[in-house]
Amino acid sequence: MTTDQHALRQVQFIQSYLQSKYYERNEIIYCSLLSMIASEHMLLIGPPGAAKSSVLDDICGYMREVVYFKWTMNNETSTDELLGPYDKARKDYGLLKRITANKLPEAHIALLDETLRATGETLNSLLTILNERSYMQEGKSLTAPLISLFGATNDYPDDDNIQALYDRFLIRIRIDYIKETANLKSLLKGGSSSIEDMGSLSISDLKKLKASTKMVEISESIIDSMVEIREELFEHNIFPSDRRLKNSLNLLRAAAVLHDRNNVLMSDLSILKYVLWIKEEDQSIVNSIIDKHLEK
């Protein structure tokens, strides 16, 4: 496998810079970049003011050619606000054409802040564009350029009406306030790294890295470990879907590419800690089971 080294360097530069800028956010940054390389979706769960959206704002700020759609959701957010309103002139003639400029159908990367505050009807209207990267325009299905959609929420979901969308976030990761005193002091002092010498990541670069993931090998031992992990989760009444387990392979391959490897290592399975849990209380059990396999 030959990974495009320029594209890889750009991602690694962004990762290194942001991990020096943000304290105790290494996993969030790593998972965000993996999501983009793998073209998967990610949900960040945590309290207000914990830099949930700032990390993604920075990543997209260091990208060129990217169309970044960002919207704060509430219980009155409509589908039209996200996908674009219908053209009134055409609607009068029975033609349903959305005005998609600066809306989700034209975005490469999207962030829906306060995601789960929207109604189930609004959230479920996004399923097609998330799953199939397409949307309807005048009775025809058009391709959307969406790479990854990120959600941010303060709370865990408790509404059955939004479970379909919740399941589409392959990575679901908890983010908390800074815990270490030394890191908090550094934050308050305002120190950060310079980014003057860093290049920029393009959509073309991401596509090249995504193409490289198709050449990554996953050994029988990795598959065996994943099967064993699922069996142990079932014993604890944690039931990640077959689709979730299958799609997690995309993240494992992306992890290999980000580390400039052509094969998945056992250590890459750590990403499954953010994939296989369903409910909040599942996380410690999932972590324990995966850690056990990482120690083998």
Foldseek 3Di string as FASTA:
>chain_A
DDFDVVLLVQLVLLLVQVPQFDDPCNVVSVVVLLCLLLLAEAEEEAAPPLCNPVSVVVQVVQAPPFQEAEEEDAQPDALCQAQAAFDPVVVVVVFGAGPRVSHQQAGQEYEYEQVVRYDLVNLVQCVCCLPPQWDDGRNDIDHGNYRYYYYYHHDDDDDPSNVSNVLRRQFYYYGYHDDDPVSVVVVVVPDHDDCVPRHGHYPVSSVSSSVLLVQADEDPVNVVLLVVLQVVCVVVVQHNDPVSSVSVSSSQSSVCSSVPHRYGDLVSCQSCLRGRGDDPVCNVVSNVSSVVSSVD
